[in-house]
Protein backbone atom coordinates (compact mmCIF):
# COMPACT_ATOMS: atom_id res chain seq x y z
CA MET A 1 -147.71 -104.62 -37.61
CA GLU A 2 -144.61 -106.44 -37.73
CA ILE A 3 -145.19 -106.39 -41.88
CA ILE A 4 -144.93 -102.96 -41.83
CA ILE A 5 -142.21 -102.57 -39.42
CA LEU A 6 -140.29 -104.99 -41.77
CA VAL A 7 -141.03 -102.75 -44.94
CA LEU A 8 -140.36 -99.78 -43.14
CA VAL A 9 -136.66 -100.95 -42.07
CA LEU A 10 -135.73 -102.05 -45.45
CA TRP A 11 -137.05 -99.29 -47.40
CA TYR A 12 -135.01 -96.65 -45.13
CA VAL A 13 -132.09 -99.12 -44.04
CA GLY A 14 -131.58 -100.74 -47.28
CA LEU A 15 -132.27 -97.13 -48.74
CA PHE A 16 -129.13 -95.74 -46.31
CA PHE A 17 -126.86 -97.66 -47.54
CA GLN A 18 -127.62 -97.30 -51.34
CA THR A 19 -127.15 -93.20 -50.63
CA PHE A 20 -124.54 -93.58 -47.99
CA PHE A 21 -122.32 -96.53 -49.14
CA LEU A 22 -123.11 -96.99 -52.69
CA HIS A 23 -123.73 -93.68 -54.32
CA ARG A 24 -121.84 -90.95 -51.68
CA TYR A 25 -119.08 -93.38 -51.16
CA ALA A 26 -118.48 -95.79 -54.55
CA ALA A 27 -119.52 -92.98 -56.68
CA HIS A 28 -118.51 -90.15 -55.70
CA GLN A 29 -116.22 -90.67 -53.27
CA THR A 30 -117.15 -87.95 -50.68
CA PHE A 31 -115.48 -89.60 -47.64
CA THR A 32 -113.05 -92.35 -46.44
CA MET A 33 -112.82 -95.43 -44.34
CA SER A 34 -110.99 -97.96 -43.09
CA ASN A 35 -110.74 -101.05 -45.12
CA PHE A 36 -112.40 -103.19 -42.09
CA VAL A 37 -115.39 -100.04 -41.85
CA GLU A 38 -115.68 -100.66 -46.08
CA LYS A 39 -116.69 -104.66 -45.91
CA THR A 40 -118.71 -103.97 -42.72
CA CYS A 41 -120.51 -101.75 -45.31
CA PHE A 42 -120.45 -104.07 -47.76
CA ILE A 43 -122.66 -106.96 -45.65
CA LEU A 44 -124.67 -104.32 -44.41
CA THR A 45 -125.97 -103.57 -47.81
CA TRP A 46 -126.29 -106.95 -48.36
CA ILE A 47 -128.46 -107.22 -45.53
CA PHE A 48 -130.52 -104.49 -46.33
CA GLN A 49 -130.66 -104.93 -49.59
CA GLY A 50 -130.90 -108.52 -49.55
CA SER A 51 -132.79 -109.87 -53.12
CA SER A 52 -132.44 -106.81 -54.85
CA TYR A 53 -129.00 -106.55 -53.42
CA LEU A 54 -126.53 -103.46 -55.74
CA SER A 55 -123.02 -104.37 -56.18
CA ALA A 56 -120.63 -101.01 -54.94
CA TYR A 57 -119.04 -101.67 -58.21
CA GLY A 58 -121.64 -101.62 -60.37
CA TYR A 59 -123.58 -98.88 -58.95
CA GLY A 60 -120.65 -96.67 -59.05
CA VAL A 61 -119.73 -96.83 -62.74
CA MET A 62 -123.33 -96.42 -63.81
CA HIS A 63 -123.81 -93.61 -61.63
CA ARG A 64 -120.92 -91.86 -63.23
CA MET A 65 -121.81 -92.59 -65.88
CA HIS A 66 -125.16 -91.09 -65.56
CA HIS A 67 -123.70 -88.03 -63.85
CA ALA A 68 -121.25 -87.70 -67.08
CA TYR A 69 -124.23 -88.36 -69.47
CA ALA A 70 -127.51 -87.40 -68.10
CA ASP A 71 -130.24 -87.12 -70.47
CA THR A 72 -128.66 -88.18 -73.51
CA ALA A 73 -128.84 -91.53 -75.81
CA LYS A 74 -125.31 -92.97 -73.09
CA ASP A 75 -127.26 -91.77 -70.27
CA PRO A 76 -128.11 -95.24 -68.01
CA HIS A 77 -131.50 -93.83 -67.10
CA SER A 78 -132.97 -91.32 -67.97
CA PRO A 79 -137.09 -90.21 -68.99
CA LYS A 80 -136.17 -88.65 -72.37
CA TYR A 81 -135.17 -92.26 -73.46
CA ASP A 82 -137.83 -94.52 -71.63
CA LYS A 83 -141.68 -94.71 -72.27
CA ASN A 84 -142.55 -95.23 -68.40
CA PRO A 85 -140.64 -95.63 -65.39
CA PHE A 86 -140.75 -99.40 -65.63
CA ALA A 87 -138.87 -99.63 -69.08
CA MET A 88 -136.58 -97.35 -67.67
CA MET A 89 -136.09 -100.43 -64.92
CA TRP A 90 -135.18 -102.97 -67.28
CA ARG A 91 -133.10 -100.61 -69.34
CA THR A 92 -131.21 -99.68 -66.03
CA LYS A 93 -131.06 -103.86 -64.61
CA ASN A 94 -129.25 -104.74 -68.43
CA VAL A 95 -126.44 -101.52 -68.16
CA TYR A 96 -125.84 -102.40 -64.34
CA GLN A 97 -125.59 -106.21 -64.87
CA ASN A 98 -123.46 -105.23 -68.10
CA ILE A 99 -121.15 -102.95 -66.46
CA ASN A 100 -120.85 -105.35 -62.98
CA LYS A 101 -120.00 -108.98 -65.21
CA LYS A 102 -117.94 -106.64 -67.26
CA ARG A 103 -119.75 -107.61 -70.49
CA ILE A 104 -118.44 -103.80 -71.99
CA ALA A 105 -115.50 -101.69 -71.87
CA VAL A 106 -116.13 -98.50 -69.07
CA ASP A 107 -113.83 -95.48 -69.66
CA GLU A 108 -110.91 -95.82 -66.62
CA LYS A 109 -112.70 -92.51 -65.45
CA PHE A 110 -115.99 -94.29 -64.58
CA THR A 111 -113.90 -97.33 -62.69
CA LYS A 112 -110.97 -95.19 -61.04
CA ASN A 113 -111.26 -96.26 -57.09
CA VAL A 114 -114.93 -97.54 -57.30
CA PRO A 115 -114.54 -100.43 -54.37
CA GLN A 116 -114.83 -103.85 -55.14
CA TRP A 117 -114.97 -106.82 -52.90
CA LYS A 118 -115.16 -109.41 -55.90
CA ARG A 119 -115.73 -112.74 -54.34
CA PHE A 120 -118.37 -111.28 -52.09
CA ASP A 121 -120.15 -110.12 -54.78
CA ALA A 122 -119.88 -112.91 -56.42
CA PHE A 123 -122.08 -114.82 -53.60
CA ALA A 124 -124.39 -111.31 -52.61
CA SER A 125 -125.24 -111.00 -56.08
CA SER A 126 -125.85 -114.32 -57.38
CA MET A 127 -129.46 -116.13 -57.97
CA THR A 128 -128.61 -118.34 -55.28
CA SER A 129 -128.95 -115.12 -52.51
CA ARG A 130 -131.08 -113.48 -54.01
CA ILE A 131 -133.87 -116.66 -53.72
CA LEU A 132 -132.59 -116.75 -50.37
CA TRP A 133 -133.55 -113.72 -49.79
CA ALA A 134 -137.03 -114.17 -51.07
CA VAL A 135 -137.63 -117.46 -49.37
CA VAL A 136 -136.31 -115.19 -45.97
CA TYR A 137 -139.31 -112.32 -47.16
CA ILE A 138 -142.10 -114.96 -47.57
CA THR A 139 -141.40 -117.03 -44.90
CA PHE A 140 -141.78 -113.25 -42.72
CA PHE A 141 -144.87 -112.54 -44.65
CA TYR A 142 -146.50 -116.47 -43.50
CA PHE A 143 -145.82 -115.97 -40.21
CA PHE A 144 -146.87 -112.48 -39.16
CA ALA A 145 -149.05 -111.32 -42.03
CA ASP A 146 -152.71 -110.91 -40.33
CA ALA A 147 -154.60 -109.24 -42.96
CA TRP A 148 -154.49 -110.56 -47.20
CA TRP A 149 -153.61 -106.67 -47.99
CA GLN A 150 -150.35 -106.83 -46.10
CA TRP A 151 -149.35 -109.33 -48.88
CA LEU A 152 -149.47 -106.36 -51.41
CA PHE A 153 -145.79 -105.36 -50.04
CA LEU A 154 -144.53 -108.38 -50.75
CA PRO A 155 -143.01 -107.63 -54.06
CA LEU A 156 -141.77 -104.27 -52.40
CA THR A 157 -139.73 -106.53 -50.67
CA PHE A 158 -138.47 -107.92 -53.34
CA LEU A 159 -137.20 -104.87 -55.46
CA MET A 160 -136.96 -102.05 -53.06
CA ALA A 161 -133.58 -101.08 -54.16
CA PRO A 162 -134.32 -100.79 -58.03
CA ILE A 163 -137.57 -98.77 -56.96
CA HIS A 164 -134.98 -96.43 -55.23
CA GLY A 165 -133.23 -95.77 -57.99
CA MET A 166 -136.47 -95.19 -60.27
CA ILE A 167 -137.92 -92.54 -57.77
CA ILE A 168 -135.22 -90.50 -58.56
CA ASN A 169 -133.72 -91.26 -61.72
CA TRP A 170 -137.38 -91.29 -63.37
CA PHE A 171 -139.27 -88.69 -61.02
CA ALA A 172 -136.76 -86.88 -60.05
CA HIS A 173 -135.87 -86.21 -63.65
CA VAL A 174 -139.66 -84.75 -64.08
CA TYR A 175 -141.24 -83.33 -61.09
CA GLY A 176 -139.61 -81.23 -58.47
CA SER A 177 -137.95 -77.90 -58.32
CA VAL A 178 -134.86 -76.24 -59.60
CA ASN A 179 -132.33 -74.35 -57.57
CA PHE A 180 -129.91 -74.72 -60.38
CA LYS A 181 -129.41 -74.05 -63.95
CA VAL A 182 -127.82 -78.09 -64.88
CA ALA A 183 -127.19 -79.47 -68.23
CA ASP A 184 -130.18 -82.11 -67.70
CA THR A 185 -133.41 -81.96 -66.13
CA SER A 186 -132.14 -82.98 -62.93
CA LYS A 187 -135.13 -81.46 -60.17
CA ASN A 188 -135.26 -81.78 -56.43
CA LEU A 189 -138.24 -83.70 -55.80
CA PHE A 190 -139.54 -82.47 -52.20
CA ALA A 191 -138.98 -79.21 -50.35
CA PHE A 192 -138.21 -81.56 -47.06
CA ASP A 193 -137.16 -85.45 -48.04
CA PHE A 194 -138.56 -87.26 -46.08
CA LEU A 195 -138.97 -90.33 -48.12
CA MET A 196 -135.38 -90.88 -49.70
CA MET A 197 -132.94 -89.66 -47.08
CA GLY A 198 -131.66 -86.59 -49.57
CA GLU A 199 -131.67 -88.10 -52.67
CA GLY A 200 -134.54 -86.09 -53.34
CA TYR A 201 -132.27 -83.28 -53.76
CA HIS A 202 -131.68 -84.43 -56.75
CA ASN A 203 -131.31 -80.90 -58.81
CA ASN A 204 -128.33 -79.71 -55.59
CA HIS A 205 -126.91 -82.73 -56.31
CA HIS A 206 -126.31 -83.09 -60.51
CA LYS A 207 -125.15 -79.44 -59.45
CA HIS A 208 -122.39 -80.61 -56.86
CA SER A 209 -122.04 -83.80 -57.05
CA ASN A 210 -118.62 -84.48 -54.62
CA ARG A 211 -120.30 -82.11 -52.03
CA ALA A 212 -121.35 -84.63 -49.16
CA ASN A 213 -124.13 -82.51 -48.17
CA PHE A 214 -127.10 -83.08 -50.89
CA GLY A 215 -129.27 -80.28 -48.71
CA GLY A 216 -128.39 -77.19 -47.56
CA VAL A 217 -129.19 -74.76 -50.36
CA LYS A 218 -132.82 -73.91 -48.63
CA THR A 219 -133.22 -74.16 -45.11
CA VAL A 220 -135.82 -76.96 -45.54
CA ASP A 221 -133.68 -79.02 -47.50
CA ILE A 222 -132.45 -80.98 -44.68
CA ASP A 223 -130.48 -84.19 -45.55
CA VAL A 224 -130.84 -86.94 -43.15
CA THR A 225 -128.16 -89.04 -44.76
CA TYR A 226 -125.99 -86.30 -44.52
CA ILE A 227 -126.34 -85.60 -40.40
CA ILE A 228 -125.88 -89.16 -39.95
CA MET A 229 -122.36 -88.84 -41.90
CA LYS A 230 -121.82 -86.19 -39.70
CA LEU A 231 -122.20 -87.99 -36.65
CA LEU A 232 -120.21 -90.89 -38.26
CA HIS A 233 -117.13 -88.27 -38.97
CA THR A 234 -117.84 -87.32 -35.33
CA CYS A 235 -117.32 -90.65 -34.17
CA LYS A 236 -113.83 -91.10 -36.51
CA ILE A 237 -115.85 -94.19 -38.28
CA ILE A 238 -116.10 -92.05 -41.57
CA GLN A 239 -113.74 -88.88 -42.10
CA ILE A 240 -115.80 -86.70 -45.04
CA LYS A 241 -114.39 -84.67 -47.54
CA ASN A 242 -115.02 -81.17 -48.58
CA THR A 243 -117.94 -80.55 -45.96
CA ASN A 244 -118.85 -77.46 -46.76
CA THR A 245 -118.02 -76.04 -49.43
CA PHE A 246 -119.38 -77.52 -53.84
CA VAL A 247 -116.98 -78.98 -55.61
CA LYS A 248 -117.85 -79.93 -59.63
CA SER A 249 -117.74 -83.67 -60.50
CA ASP A 250 -115.32 -84.76 -62.57
CA PHE A 251 -118.21 -86.99 -64.53
CA ASN A 252 -120.97 -84.19 -64.60
CA ASN A 253 -121.46 -82.27 -68.55
């Protein structure tokens, strides 16, 4: 039972910070927060993404490029240019690292106001940090796994964040429904997004990418992350922009 709880916590809490902090804040800036809250989000993202920690800068810039170049040869991840999900994950990793380590020149419109905590990111993204988290996971499994099949979840704990990205950037461009005609293959992966906390409403998001609520188009489009964001907004921890309006992103085609 402890192993299942660990996997569920890492899946959903790690996913929350990926969609809330890295995606909706760093990439699209759908809300504002204080410097203290931002730094806290950096730390919590590291804790819950662990060995697969993604930098807000690297993720934010790469995701803006995805919107600008969706389903073209310049898209960092597209099923149209990769043979399978794993090939796409590998290419995404290389693009992400080149951006995050500033090995390639990037247009200023993709980097503008993207949050960056260089000293913390250098540690959190280091091999030392990733190995330490791997040791923590292996130790936890050693003490609490009481059946052989539970060890099959161990690779998932190592690669949680890239797997989250692959589900959306591969499957939500291949399968699902379409609410809006857009210049790419984005689809809504689920009628009710129980798995990806709102990220599965990918077609909605590609049409109106600066909107904080990824759902809300149909009655069943319930964006769990947005519900949490509204609570944080009410508590004055964050300030949501354009709460009830659709705004076309500067990064869309």
